[in-house]
């Protein structure tokens, strides 16, 4: 059997004979995203409740909480940032694999395997406190996995095709929701819920699926692919312009995304709702992602964020799996009220800072020993 031909460099958007140098700005941005996720241990909502009327703690608490439905807080930018950066990293990954002699078929199988691992890992994390495997597909990793192979294929397409694919994804998704005979973009009564009431009940469950308490949906992976596609375009811009930074393109894309998302929201055409990942949310959050990326390309790399960003899967697993273990260890070895020396109201915050320090030290240990989890 003949080996599959090596992908020709001209099929890419730029020469790929050698891989590009690592972009630490991307690592910093990814580090911020993971830090915001891990920082849930600070329990800022509890601290705010302990200091009623304090605007400082109230603002911090609001930005560490998902908005109830329409709108956007800082916490709402975590998942789109993580998804966007998957797209940004893809051109670098493809270039590195092609430079090592990778074939299209081999890379396609790798992308499909990565998709399956991400889906399985998301289901595993959501099943940790369930008596049986909890089949659900709204987890960040699962959502990325569902669209990753399509993103890989678009990695070999010209930018015009990518923009057209983005338009088809967003307009087609919006049109499907508008045609479906239910209140448009309403929680618990929409196209995505109807799909999940059929699809999720195909799997073994302790009780029939009715709705997700947060409103999250399996079908959100479709517009999430749009977010990853925006990241793919941004990553291609960065590689094409290296060592320069295409600030004008990044900032123009940020302005267009923010303006388009806000326009669709305030005209009532399509609300900005992260929980169901409306097309306007893809545009609005995508604009924020372009803005963040431009900012991190501008500032000096922050080592503390690079340590986290270079091991994002490890950071994700640490945040999901070790919180209870570290908290219990503190309670057992230091006592239940060791962190109350600033007062009972601030105790959750102080304890959370200590937990964050443990998380970072674990990632720093892995960084020093060049241990990086890759899928």
Protein backbone atom coordinates (compact mmCIF):
# COMPACT_ATOMS: atom_id res chain seq x y z
CA UNK A 1 0.00 0.00 0.00
CA UNK A 2 1.35 3.41 -0.92
CA UNK A 3 1.83 5.95 1.82
CA UNK A 4 -0.49 8.93 1.73
CA UNK A 5 1.19 11.92 0.10
CA UNK A 6 2.60 14.63 2.29
CA UNK A 7 0.46 17.75 2.31
CA UNK A 8 1.95 20.25 -0.07
CA UNK A 9 2.95 23.56 1.50
CA UNK A 10 0.98 25.50 -1.10
CA UNK A 11 -2.27 24.05 0.29
CA UNK A 12 -1.69 26.14 3.41
CA UNK A 13 -2.14 29.87 3.74
CA UNK A 14 1.66 30.40 3.99
CA UNK A 15 4.93 28.49 3.63
CA UNK A 16 5.17 25.79 6.29
CA UNK A 17 8.58 24.25 5.67
CA UNK A 18 9.53 25.03 9.26
CA UNK A 19 7.25 25.56 12.25
CA UNK A 20 6.84 29.08 13.61
CA UNK A 21 8.27 30.07 16.97
CA UNK A 22 5.93 29.63 19.90
CA UNK A 23 3.66 32.63 20.41
CA UNK A 24 3.85 33.47 24.11
CA UNK A 25 1.02 36.00 23.75
CA UNK A 26 -1.30 33.09 22.98
CA UNK A 27 0.02 31.23 26.04
CA UNK A 28 -0.60 34.32 28.20
CA UNK A 29 -4.16 34.72 26.96
CA UNK A 30 -4.84 31.02 27.50
CA UNK A 31 -3.30 31.35 30.97
CA UNK A 32 -5.70 34.18 31.84
CA UNK A 33 -8.66 32.10 30.64
CA UNK A 34 -7.63 29.14 32.79
CA UNK A 35 -6.85 31.40 35.76
CA UNK A 36 -10.37 32.83 35.61
CA UNK A 37 -11.72 29.28 35.60
CA UNK A 38 -9.54 28.13 38.50
CA UNK A 39 -10.36 31.31 40.43
CA UNK A 40 -13.86 30.00 41.11
CA UNK A 41 -12.31 28.74 44.37
CA UNK A 42 -12.26 32.37 45.59
CA UNK A 43 -16.05 32.13 46.11
CA UNK A 44 -16.50 35.85 45.58
CA UNK A 45 -20.29 35.58 45.73
CA UNK A 46 -20.07 34.29 49.32
CA UNK A 47 -17.68 37.08 50.25
CA UNK A 48 -19.99 39.67 48.68
CA UNK A 49 -22.91 38.32 50.70
CA UNK A 50 -20.82 38.73 53.85
CA UNK A 51 -20.25 42.41 53.00
CA UNK A 52 -23.66 43.65 51.78
CA UNK A 53 -23.61 47.02 50.12
CA UNK A 54 -19.88 46.88 49.39
CA UNK A 55 -19.52 47.84 45.68
CA UNK A 56 -16.02 46.39 45.36
CA UNK A 57 -16.97 42.85 46.40
CA UNK A 58 -20.29 43.13 44.55
CA UNK A 59 -18.49 43.97 41.28
CA UNK A 60 -16.04 41.10 41.74
CA UNK A 61 -18.84 38.68 42.56
CA UNK A 62 -20.90 39.72 39.53
CA UNK A 63 -17.93 39.16 37.23
CA UNK A 64 -17.34 35.69 38.68
CA UNK A 65 -20.91 34.64 37.92
CA UNK A 66 -22.61 33.81 34.64
CA UNK A 67 -25.33 36.33 33.82
CA UNK A 68 -28.83 34.80 34.24
CA UNK A 69 -29.55 34.91 30.51
CA UNK A 70 -28.77 37.75 28.09
CA UNK A 71 -25.66 39.84 28.55
CA UNK A 72 -22.04 39.21 29.44
CA UNK A 73 -19.85 39.18 32.55
CA UNK A 74 -16.13 38.47 32.76
CA UNK A 75 -16.92 34.88 33.77
CA UNK A 76 -18.92 34.43 30.57
CA UNK A 77 -15.79 35.05 28.50
CA UNK A 78 -13.98 31.92 29.77
CA UNK A 79 -15.54 29.34 27.47
CA UNK A 80 -15.42 31.45 24.27
CA UNK A 81 -11.82 32.36 25.07
CA UNK A 82 -10.84 28.71 25.48
CA UNK A 83 -12.68 27.77 22.26
CA UNK A 84 -11.24 30.72 20.30
CA UNK A 85 -7.70 29.80 21.34
CA UNK A 86 -8.17 26.25 20.08
CA UNK A 87 -8.62 27.82 16.66
CA UNK A 88 -5.67 30.20 17.11
CA UNK A 89 -3.35 27.29 17.93
CA UNK A 90 -4.40 25.15 14.95
CA UNK A 91 -2.28 26.85 12.23
CA UNK A 92 0.80 26.50 14.45
CA UNK A 93 0.01 22.85 15.11
CA UNK A 94 -0.54 22.06 11.43
CA UNK A 95 2.68 23.80 10.45
CA UNK A 96 4.67 21.87 13.05
CA UNK A 97 3.22 18.52 11.96
CA UNK A 98 3.78 19.20 8.26
CA UNK A 99 7.36 20.29 8.96
CA UNK A 100 7.91 16.89 10.61
CA UNK A 101 6.62 15.11 7.52
CA UNK A 102 3.01 14.68 8.57
CA UNK A 103 0.50 13.50 5.98
CA UNK A 104 -3.03 14.75 5.59
CA UNK A 105 -4.45 11.33 6.38
CA UNK A 106 -2.33 10.97 9.49
CA UNK A 107 -3.27 14.44 10.71
CA UNK A 108 -6.94 13.79 9.98
CA UNK A 109 -6.87 10.62 12.09
CA UNK A 110 -5.13 12.58 14.85
CA UNK A 111 -7.82 15.28 14.71
CA UNK A 112 -10.58 12.66 14.87
CA UNK A 113 -8.87 10.95 17.81
CA UNK A 114 -8.51 14.30 19.58
CA UNK A 115 -12.22 14.98 19.02
CA UNK A 116 -13.20 11.66 20.59
CA UNK A 117 -10.86 12.14 23.56
CA UNK A 118 -12.22 15.63 24.25
CA UNK A 119 -15.81 14.37 24.09
CA UNK A 120 -15.03 11.41 26.37
CA UNK A 121 -13.10 13.60 28.83
CA UNK A 122 -15.96 16.08 29.07
CA UNK A 123 -18.44 13.26 29.77
CA UNK A 124 -16.05 11.78 32.36
CA UNK A 125 -15.75 15.08 34.23
CA UNK A 126 -19.53 15.56 34.26
CA UNK A 127 -19.97 11.99 35.56
CA UNK A 128 -17.67 12.32 38.58
CA UNK A 129 -20.55 12.73 41.05
CA UNK A 130 -23.08 10.57 39.21
CA UNK A 131 -23.94 6.94 40.04
CA UNK A 132 -23.69 6.06 36.31
CA UNK A 133 -22.05 7.61 33.27
CA UNK A 134 -23.77 10.95 32.81
CA UNK A 135 -24.05 11.46 29.08
CA UNK A 136 -24.13 15.17 28.50
CA UNK A 137 -22.50 17.26 25.81
CA UNK A 138 -22.55 20.86 27.03
CA UNK A 139 -19.15 20.71 28.76
CA UNK A 140 -16.50 22.99 27.24
CA UNK A 141 -14.24 20.11 26.24
CA UNK A 142 -17.12 18.14 24.74
CA UNK A 143 -18.35 21.13 22.76
CA UNK A 144 -14.89 21.67 21.32
CA UNK A 145 -14.54 17.97 20.54
CA UNK A 146 -17.81 17.87 18.59
CA UNK A 147 -16.59 20.54 16.18
CA UNK A 148 -12.83 19.99 16.16
CA UNK A 149 -12.57 17.68 13.14
CA UNK A 150 -14.55 20.16 11.03
CA UNK A 151 -12.26 22.92 12.27
CA UNK A 152 -9.25 20.83 11.22
CA UNK A 153 -10.64 20.45 7.69
CA UNK A 154 -11.25 24.20 7.48
CA UNK A 155 -7.61 24.66 8.51
CA UNK A 156 -6.68 23.75 4.92
CA UNK A 157 -9.26 26.05 3.33
CA UNK A 158 -8.58 29.59 2.06
CA UNK A 159 -9.81 32.46 4.22
CA UNK A 160 -12.69 33.20 1.83
CA UNK A 161 -14.03 29.68 2.40
CA UNK A 162 -13.66 30.08 6.15
CA UNK A 163 -15.61 33.34 6.18
CA UNK A 164 -18.31 31.75 4.03
CA UNK A 165 -18.46 28.76 6.39
CA UNK A 166 -18.82 31.12 9.35
CA UNK A 167 -21.70 32.93 7.63
CA UNK A 168 -23.47 29.66 6.79
CA UNK A 169 -23.05 28.37 10.36
CA UNK A 170 -24.37 31.50 12.05
CA UNK A 171 -27.16 32.37 9.63
CA UNK A 172 -28.28 28.75 9.25
CA UNK A 173 -28.35 28.26 13.02
CA UNK A 174 -30.30 31.49 13.56
CA UNK A 175 -32.78 30.58 10.80
CA UNK A 176 -33.39 27.12 12.26
CA UNK A 177 -34.24 28.66 15.62
CA UNK A 178 -36.53 31.23 14.03
CA UNK A 179 -38.41 28.59 12.01
CA UNK A 180 -38.87 26.22 14.95
CA UNK A 181 -42.40 26.65 16.39
CA UNK A 182 -41.50 27.79 19.90
CA UNK A 183 -40.69 31.09 21.63
CA UNK A 184 -37.46 32.20 20.00
CA UNK A 185 -34.36 31.99 22.25
CA UNK A 186 -36.42 31.34 25.40
CA UNK A 187 -34.97 29.22 28.17
CA UNK A 188 -36.27 25.62 28.39
CA UNK A 189 -38.53 26.01 25.32
CA UNK A 190 -36.47 26.15 22.14
CA UNK A 191 -35.02 24.08 19.32
CA UNK A 192 -31.99 23.02 21.34
CA UNK A 193 -34.07 21.75 24.26
CA UNK A 194 -36.32 19.78 21.91
CA UNK A 195 -33.26 18.16 20.36
CA UNK A 196 -31.80 17.25 23.76
CA UNK A 197 -35.10 15.81 24.97
CA UNK A 198 -34.81 13.35 22.07
CA UNK A 199 -31.02 12.88 21.84
CA UNK A 200 -29.98 12.68 25.50
CA UNK A 201 -32.75 10.22 26.33
CA UNK A 202 -31.17 7.77 23.89
CA UNK A 203 -28.50 7.15 26.54
CA UNK A 204 -28.87 5.36 29.89
CA UNK A 205 -30.01 7.81 32.58
CA UNK A 206 -31.10 7.68 36.20
CA UNK A 207 -34.16 9.68 35.15
CA UNK A 208 -35.45 11.03 31.82
CA UNK A 209 -33.84 14.25 30.62
CA UNK A 210 -36.20 17.22 30.57
CA UNK A 211 -34.05 20.36 30.63
CA UNK A 212 -30.61 21.49 31.70
CA UNK A 213 -30.92 23.69 34.78
CA UNK A 214 -28.59 26.29 33.28
CA UNK A 215 -30.19 26.19 29.84
CA UNK A 216 -27.06 24.72 28.20
CA UNK A 217 -27.48 22.69 25.00
CA UNK A 218 -25.78 20.02 22.94
CA UNK A 219 -26.43 21.93 19.72
CA UNK A 220 -24.38 24.86 20.99
CA UNK A 221 -21.36 23.11 19.50
CA UNK A 222 -22.46 24.43 16.09
CA UNK A 223 -22.06 28.16 16.85
CA UNK A 224 -19.10 27.25 19.11
CA UNK A 225 -17.45 25.98 15.93
CA UNK A 226 -17.98 29.52 14.66
CA UNK A 227 -15.99 30.83 17.64
CA UNK A 228 -13.18 28.35 16.94
CA UNK A 229 -13.27 29.37 13.29
CA UNK A 230 -12.74 33.01 14.25
CA UNK A 231 -9.73 31.85 16.26
CA UNK A 232 -8.43 29.90 13.27
CA UNK A 233 -8.58 33.05 11.15
CA UNK A 234 -6.80 35.04 13.88
CA UNK A 235 -4.10 32.38 14.21
CA UNK A 236 -3.54 32.41 10.46
CA UNK A 237 -3.18 36.20 10.56
CA UNK A 238 -0.59 35.94 13.33
CA UNK A 239 1.48 33.32 11.52
CA UNK A 240 1.28 35.12 8.18
CA UNK A 241 2.47 38.41 9.66
CA UNK A 242 5.15 37.02 12.01
CA UNK A 243 7.27 38.48 13.49
CA UNK A 244 5.01 41.51 13.13
CA UNK A 245 1.62 41.63 14.85
CA UNK A 246 -1.41 42.44 12.64
CA UNK A 247 -2.93 44.85 15.16
CA UNK A 248 -5.10 46.59 12.57
CA UNK A 249 -6.77 43.34 11.51
CA UNK A 250 -7.24 42.15 15.09
CA UNK A 251 -8.72 45.44 16.28
CA UNK A 252 -10.95 45.81 13.21
CA UNK A 253 -12.27 42.27 13.73
CA UNK A 254 -12.85 43.09 17.41
CA UNK A 255 -14.81 46.23 16.58
CA UNK A 256 -16.93 44.51 13.91
CA UNK A 257 -17.70 41.52 16.14
CA UNK A 258 -18.68 43.65 19.14
CA UNK A 259 -20.75 46.04 17.03
CA UNK A 260 -22.51 43.27 15.07
CA UNK A 261 -23.34 41.28 18.20
CA UNK A 262 -24.64 44.36 20.01
CA UNK A 263 -26.67 45.45 16.98
CA UNK A 264 -28.36 42.06 16.66
CA UNK A 265 -29.08 42.08 20.38
CA UNK A 266 -30.53 45.58 20.74
CA UNK A 267 -32.59 45.35 17.55
CA UNK A 268 -34.20 42.16 18.89
CA UNK A 269 -33.04 40.07 15.92
CA UNK A 270 -30.92 37.76 18.05
CA UNK A 271 -30.11 38.25 21.76
CA UNK A 272 -26.59 37.86 23.13
CA UNK A 273 -27.00 34.70 25.26
CA UNK A 274 -23.96 32.67 26.19
CA UNK A 275 -25.89 29.77 27.74
CA UNK A 276 -27.37 28.76 24.38
CA UNK A 277 -24.52 30.31 22.34
CA UNK A 278 -26.67 32.39 20.04
CA UNK A 279 -25.07 33.56 16.76
CA UNK A 280 -24.94 37.09 18.14
CA UNK A 281 -23.03 35.72 21.14
CA UNK A 282 -20.52 34.13 18.73
CA UNK A 283 -19.95 37.53 17.13
CA UNK A 284 -19.92 39.56 20.37
CA UNK A 285 -17.69 37.18 22.34
CA UNK A 286 -15.53 36.69 19.26
CA UNK A 287 -14.98 40.44 19.17
CA UNK A 288 -13.88 40.33 22.80
CA UNK A 289 -11.50 37.46 22.00
CA UNK A 290 -9.88 39.43 19.18
CA UNK A 291 -9.51 42.36 21.58
CA UNK A 292 -7.92 40.22 24.30
CA UNK A 293 -5.55 38.65 21.78
CA UNK A 294 -4.45 42.05 20.48
CA UNK A 295 -3.87 43.25 24.04
CA UNK A 296 -1.74 40.24 24.97
CA UNK A 297 0.27 40.64 21.77
CA UNK A 298 0.99 44.20 22.89
CA UNK A 299 2.11 43.64 26.47
CA UNK A 300 5.17 41.85 27.79
CA UNK A 301 4.54 38.13 28.44
CA UNK A 302 3.64 37.37 32.05
CA UNK A 303 5.51 34.31 33.28
CA UNK A 304 2.84 33.41 35.83
CA UNK A 305 0.25 33.18 33.04
CA UNK A 306 2.60 31.37 30.63
CA UNK A 307 3.05 28.60 33.21
CA UNK A 308 -0.72 28.07 33.23
CA UNK A 309 -1.31 28.62 29.53
CA UNK A 310 1.30 26.12 28.37
CA UNK A 311 -0.48 23.38 30.32
CA UNK A 312 -4.12 24.33 29.82
CA UNK A 313 -5.51 20.77 29.82
CA UNK A 314 -3.70 20.06 33.10
CA UNK A 315 -5.06 23.33 34.52
CA UNK A 316 -8.57 22.37 33.41
CA UNK A 317 -8.34 18.96 35.07
CA UNK A 318 -6.83 20.42 38.25
CA UNK A 319 -9.68 22.94 38.52
CA UNK A 320 -12.31 20.25 37.94
CA UNK A 321 -10.87 17.43 40.03
CA UNK A 322 -8.62 18.71 42.85
CA UNK A 323 -10.65 21.45 44.51
CA UNK A 324 -12.30 19.16 47.04
CA UNK A 325 -9.05 17.32 47.77
CA UNK A 326 -7.05 20.49 48.45
CA UNK A 327 -9.87 22.02 50.52
CA UNK A 328 -10.18 18.89 52.65
CA UNK A 329 -6.41 18.74 53.11
CA UNK A 330 -6.35 22.30 54.41
CA UNK A 331 -9.23 21.57 56.78
CA UNK A 332 -7.64 18.38 58.12
CA UNK A 333 -4.09 19.64 58.55
CA UNK A 334 -4.65 23.34 59.33
CA UNK A 335 -8.03 23.28 61.04
CA UNK A 336 -11.47 24.35 59.85
CA UNK A 337 -10.96 28.07 60.56
CA UNK A 338 -7.28 28.56 59.80
CA UNK A 339 -8.04 31.09 57.05
CA UNK A 340 -10.37 33.24 59.17
CA UNK A 341 -7.60 35.52 60.45
CA UNK A 342 -9.00 38.37 58.27
CA UNK A 343 -12.51 37.72 59.55
CA UNK A 344 -15.15 35.11 58.83
CA UNK A 345 -16.50 37.07 55.85
CA UNK A 346 -13.15 37.04 54.03
CA UNK A 347 -12.37 33.41 54.92
CA UNK A 348 -13.57 31.89 51.59
CA UNK A 349 -11.45 34.38 49.65
CA UNK A 350 -8.29 33.79 51.69
CA UNK A 351 -8.72 30.03 51.50
CA UNK A 352 -9.34 30.32 47.77
CA UNK A 353 -6.09 32.26 47.32
CA UNK A 354 -4.25 29.45 49.10
CA UNK A 355 -5.90 26.84 46.85
CA UNK A 356 -4.97 28.88 43.76
CA UNK A 357 -1.37 28.99 44.98
CA UNK A 358 -1.35 25.19 45.25
CA UNK A 359 -2.77 24.89 41.74
CA UNK A 360 -0.11 27.22 40.33
CA UNK A 361 2.75 25.50 42.16
CA UNK A 362 1.60 22.15 40.74
CA UNK A 363 1.62 23.64 37.23
CA UNK A 364 4.98 25.31 37.87
CA UNK A 365 6.41 21.93 38.96
CA UNK A 366 5.17 20.43 35.70
CA UNK A 367 6.55 23.39 33.73
CA UNK A 368 10.03 23.05 35.26
CA UNK A 369 10.08 19.35 34.42
CA UNK A 370 8.65 19.93 30.94
CA UNK A 371 5.56 17.84 31.68
CA UNK A 372 2.80 19.10 29.39
CA UNK A 373 -0.50 17.27 28.90
CA UNK A 374 -1.37 17.05 25.21
CA UNK A 375 -4.36 15.46 23.51
